[in-house]
C-alpha cells in the first residue's frame, strides 16, 4: 500500500486536537477520506446529531484510522461498490477526552466503554469504525436504526420484518467480515478489526480478554 504524505497525520498532541485530547500519543493515523475518497464520511460527534446532543470533536476533524486498517476498508468498499453501495463512516478514531464525554453522557457499558476500566474503547486505539451504507448517489438506505440508537432494535441480529433492511444489513456485515472485521452484538454499525490484540500493548490485550471474554463479543 502506498500512501501520500498528505494522507497521514501522526498524532503527537497536535494543537488542532487540543480541545479533545489524545488517547494514545504515538499512534499513526490516516485520514480515511484522503486514503480512499470514495468512502463517505459523516462524523456524528463532530456535530450535534448524536446521543450527547453536542459536538465532541473539533468541527472539521477528519475520520482517522490506523494505516494498517485502510486496505480492509478499501476491500469492503470495493465489495460494496460491486452491488452499487458504498460505506459511510459515522465514527472512527475517537480521542480519549471525547470517550470520557461520551461515557458521561451514556454511562452504560453495554454500549460505551468505560474509559477508566481496561483499555477503553477500540475507537481510541484507531482500530474500530462505526459505519452504514449509502447508495451510489450518497443517499442513506434503510437500516435497522439510526446511529446511537441504544435499544434492542440496534442489535446486530436484525429481528424485524423489513426485507430491505435485512438485506442491507446482511450486505454490510458480509462486506466487513470478509475484509477483516467483526461486529458488535449491541450495535449493528460497530466493527472492530479481528486481529485487534496485535494493535494493543500485550498487557492491555490481556485485560480486554479478561474483561470481555470471547473477542467475538466485541468491545464498544
Protein backbone atom coordinates (compact mmCIF):
# COMPACT_ATOMS: atom_id res chain seq x y z
CA UNK A 1 0.00 0.00 0.00
CA UNK A 2 1.32 3.45 -0.91
CA UNK A 3 0.01 6.50 0.88
CA UNK A 4 0.91 10.08 0.12
CA UNK A 5 2.28 12.21 2.95
CA UNK A 6 -0.95 14.23 2.96
CA UNK A 7 -2.88 11.10 3.88
CA UNK A 8 -1.01 10.77 7.19
CA UNK A 9 -1.44 12.55 10.47
CA UNK A 10 0.92 11.36 13.17
CA UNK A 11 -0.93 12.19 16.38
CA UNK A 12 1.59 13.52 18.89
CA UNK A 13 -0.54 16.19 20.54
CA UNK A 14 -1.29 18.44 17.55
CA UNK A 15 -2.81 21.74 18.66
CA UNK A 16 -5.78 21.14 16.37
CA UNK A 17 -6.86 18.33 18.67
CA UNK A 18 -6.17 20.04 21.98
CA UNK A 19 -9.85 20.51 22.81
CA UNK A 20 -10.46 16.78 22.50
CA UNK A 21 -7.25 15.38 23.92
CA UNK A 22 -5.22 12.46 22.65
CA UNK A 23 -5.80 8.84 23.71
CA UNK A 24 -2.57 7.17 22.67
CA UNK A 25 0.01 9.79 21.80
CA UNK A 26 2.17 7.73 19.43
CA UNK A 27 -0.44 6.08 17.21
CA UNK A 28 -0.01 6.77 13.49
CA UNK A 29 -3.33 7.61 11.90
CA UNK A 30 -4.59 8.05 8.36
CA UNK A 31 -7.32 10.34 7.12
CA UNK A 32 -9.79 7.80 5.67
CA UNK A 33 -11.14 10.26 3.12
CA UNK A 34 -7.66 11.10 1.83
CA UNK A 35 -6.74 7.42 1.64
CA UNK A 36 -9.94 6.48 -0.21
CA UNK A 37 -12.04 9.43 -1.48
CA UNK A 38 -14.90 7.09 -2.47
CA UNK A 39 -15.74 6.39 1.18
CA UNK A 40 -18.36 8.79 2.54
CA UNK A 41 -17.62 10.42 5.89
CA UNK A 42 -20.13 11.96 8.30
CA UNK A 43 -18.53 12.12 11.74
CA UNK A 44 -21.55 12.41 14.03
CA UNK A 45 -19.51 13.50 17.04
CA UNK A 46 -18.14 16.46 15.07
CA UNK A 47 -21.68 17.85 15.11
CA UNK A 48 -24.73 17.81 17.37
CA UNK A 49 -26.68 14.97 15.75
CA UNK A 50 -25.59 12.36 18.26
CA UNK A 51 -26.65 10.92 21.60
CA UNK A 52 -24.71 13.54 23.55
CA UNK A 53 -26.54 16.31 21.71
CA UNK A 54 -23.36 18.34 21.35
CA UNK A 55 -20.08 18.40 19.48
CA UNK A 56 -17.44 16.09 21.00
CA UNK A 57 -14.84 16.50 18.21
CA UNK A 58 -13.38 19.59 16.55
CA UNK A 59 -15.83 20.69 13.87
CA UNK A 60 -13.60 19.82 10.91
CA UNK A 61 -11.89 16.76 12.36
CA UNK A 62 -11.22 14.11 9.69
CA UNK A 63 -12.12 10.45 10.15
CA UNK A 64 -8.85 8.83 11.22
CA UNK A 65 -7.85 5.18 11.34
CA UNK A 66 -4.56 3.29 11.69
CA UNK A 67 -2.82 2.95 8.30
CA UNK A 68 -2.87 -0.86 8.59
CA UNK A 69 -6.68 -0.76 8.56
CA UNK A 70 -7.00 1.21 5.32
CA UNK A 71 -6.66 -1.82 3.00
CA UNK A 72 -9.51 -3.51 4.88
CA UNK A 73 -11.80 -0.54 4.41
CA UNK A 74 -10.83 -0.37 0.76
CA UNK A 75 -11.65 -4.07 0.37
CA UNK A 76 -15.05 -3.59 1.99
CA UNK A 77 -15.70 -0.59 -0.23
CA UNK A 78 -14.73 -2.50 -3.38
CA UNK A 79 -17.09 -5.32 -2.43
CA UNK A 80 -19.96 -2.94 -1.74
CA UNK A 81 -19.46 -0.94 -4.93
CA UNK A 82 -19.96 -4.11 -6.93
CA UNK A 83 -23.51 -4.05 -5.55
CA UNK A 84 -23.92 -0.28 -6.12
CA UNK A 85 -23.47 0.67 -2.47
CA UNK A 86 -20.76 2.47 -0.54
CA UNK A 87 -19.50 2.78 3.01
CA UNK A 88 -20.45 5.76 5.11
CA UNK A 89 -18.30 6.31 8.22
CA UNK A 90 -20.06 7.68 11.30
CA UNK A 91 -17.08 7.32 13.62
CA UNK A 92 -13.50 6.06 13.53
CA UNK A 93 -10.62 7.13 15.79
CA UNK A 94 -12.02 8.71 18.96
CA UNK A 95 -9.83 10.95 21.16
CA UNK A 96 -9.72 9.94 24.80
CA UNK A 97 -11.37 13.14 26.03
CA UNK A 98 -14.29 12.51 23.67
CA UNK A 99 -14.59 8.96 25.01
CA UNK A 100 -14.83 10.34 28.54
CA UNK A 101 -17.50 12.82 27.46
CA UNK A 102 -19.47 10.07 25.74
CA UNK A 103 -19.23 7.88 28.83
CA UNK A 104 -20.60 10.70 30.97
CA UNK A 105 -23.50 11.12 28.54
CA UNK A 106 -24.39 7.40 28.32
CA UNK A 107 -22.81 5.72 31.35
CA UNK A 108 -23.84 2.30 30.09
CA UNK A 109 -21.06 -0.22 29.45
CA UNK A 110 -23.33 -2.26 27.17
CA UNK A 111 -22.83 0.47 24.57
CA UNK A 112 -19.91 2.68 25.59
CA UNK A 113 -16.60 1.50 27.04
CA UNK A 114 -15.79 2.96 30.45
CA UNK A 115 -12.54 4.91 29.85
CA UNK A 116 -11.43 4.12 33.40
CA UNK A 117 -11.78 0.35 33.01
CA UNK A 118 -9.46 -1.72 30.84
CA UNK A 119 -8.05 -0.18 27.66
CA UNK A 120 -11.13 1.91 26.92
CA UNK A 121 -12.79 1.86 23.52
CA UNK A 122 -11.32 0.21 20.44
CA UNK A 123 -12.09 3.55 18.77
CA UNK A 124 -9.44 5.25 20.90
CA UNK A 125 -6.89 2.78 19.56
CA UNK A 126 -7.83 3.55 15.95
CA UNK A 127 -8.98 0.00 15.16
CA UNK A 128 -12.78 0.32 15.04
CA UNK A 129 -15.28 2.09 12.82
CA UNK A 130 -18.97 2.86 13.02
CA UNK A 131 -20.44 2.66 9.54
CA UNK A 132 -23.52 2.23 7.40
CA UNK A 133 -24.42 2.08 3.72
CA UNK A 134 -25.36 4.68 1.15
CA UNK A 135 -26.35 4.21 -2.47
CA UNK A 136 -24.39 5.43 -5.48
CA UNK A 137 -25.91 8.91 -5.04
CA UNK A 138 -24.79 9.06 -1.39
CA UNK A 139 -28.37 8.66 -0.20
CA UNK A 140 -28.96 6.68 3.01
CA UNK A 141 -30.58 3.28 2.67
CA UNK A 142 -32.96 1.51 5.03
CA UNK A 143 -31.12 0.08 8.05
CA UNK A 144 -32.40 -1.20 11.43
CA UNK A 145 -31.95 2.14 13.25
CA UNK A 146 -30.13 5.43 13.12
CA UNK A 147 -26.71 5.83 14.74
CA UNK A 148 -26.50 5.76 18.56
CA UNK A 149 -29.83 4.03 18.98
CA UNK A 150 -29.33 2.18 22.26
CA UNK A 151 -32.39 -0.06 22.09
CA UNK A 152 -32.90 -3.74 21.22
CA UNK A 153 -33.68 -2.64 17.65
CA UNK A 154 -29.98 -1.84 17.17
CA UNK A 155 -28.81 -5.40 17.83
CA UNK A 156 -26.59 -6.87 15.13
CA UNK A 157 -29.10 -9.69 14.63
CA UNK A 158 -32.00 -7.95 12.97
CA UNK A 159 -35.35 -9.29 14.16
CA UNK A 160 -37.65 -7.08 12.10
CA UNK A 161 -39.70 -7.97 9.06
CA UNK A 162 -38.45 -5.39 6.54
CA UNK A 163 -36.70 -7.36 3.79
CA UNK A 164 -34.79 -4.33 2.50
CA UNK A 165 -33.38 -3.62 5.96
CA UNK A 166 -32.40 -7.26 6.39
CA UNK A 167 -30.66 -7.35 3.01
CA UNK A 168 -28.81 -4.08 3.55
CA UNK A 169 -27.59 -5.10 6.99
CA UNK A 170 -26.51 -8.51 5.76
CA UNK A 171 -24.59 -6.94 2.87
CA UNK A 172 -22.75 -4.60 5.25
CA UNK A 173 -21.92 -7.44 7.62
CA UNK A 174 -20.66 -9.71 4.85
CA UNK A 175 -18.50 -6.91 3.39
CA UNK A 176 -16.95 -6.08 6.74
CA UNK A 177 -16.43 -9.70 7.84
CA UNK A 178 -14.76 -10.59 4.53
CA UNK A 179 -12.47 -7.58 4.96
CA UNK A 180 -11.22 -8.49 8.42
CA UNK A 181 -13.72 -7.03 10.86
CA UNK A 182 -16.19 -8.47 13.33
CA UNK A 183 -19.38 -6.80 14.54
CA UNK A 184 -20.59 -5.79 17.98
CA UNK A 185 -23.76 -7.50 19.20
CA UNK A 186 -25.45 -4.38 20.61
CA UNK A 187 -24.69 -2.00 17.73
CA UNK A 188 -25.16 -3.13 14.14
CA UNK A 189 -22.97 -0.24 12.90
CA UNK A 190 -19.87 -1.02 15.01
CA UNK A 191 -16.98 -3.07 13.60
CA UNK A 192 -13.59 -3.88 15.14
CA UNK A 193 -10.63 -5.46 13.37
CA UNK A 194 -10.50 -9.20 14.02
CA UNK A 195 -6.82 -9.17 14.98
CA UNK A 196 -7.18 -6.30 17.46
CA UNK A 197 -4.77 -7.79 20.06
CA UNK A 198 -1.74 -7.06 17.90
CA UNK A 199 -2.56 -3.35 17.92
CA UNK A 200 -2.67 -3.09 21.72
CA UNK A 201 0.17 -3.42 24.22
CA UNK A 202 0.20 -7.05 25.45
CA UNK A 203 -0.95 -6.11 28.94
CA UNK A 204 -3.93 -4.18 27.55
CA UNK A 205 -4.93 -7.02 25.20
CA UNK A 206 -4.85 -9.38 28.16
CA UNK A 207 -7.12 -7.07 30.15
CA UNK A 208 -9.62 -6.94 27.29
CA UNK A 209 -9.73 -10.73 27.15
CA UNK A 210 -10.29 -10.88 30.90
CA UNK A 211 -13.00 -8.22 30.88
CA UNK A 212 -14.96 -9.27 27.82
CA UNK A 213 -14.21 -12.96 27.44
CA UNK A 214 -14.52 -14.09 23.80
CA UNK A 215 -13.25 -11.33 21.47
CA UNK A 216 -16.16 -12.03 19.13
CA UNK A 217 -18.40 -10.34 21.67
CA UNK A 218 -16.71 -7.13 20.69
CA UNK A 219 -15.65 -4.06 22.59
CA UNK A 220 -17.51 -0.73 22.16
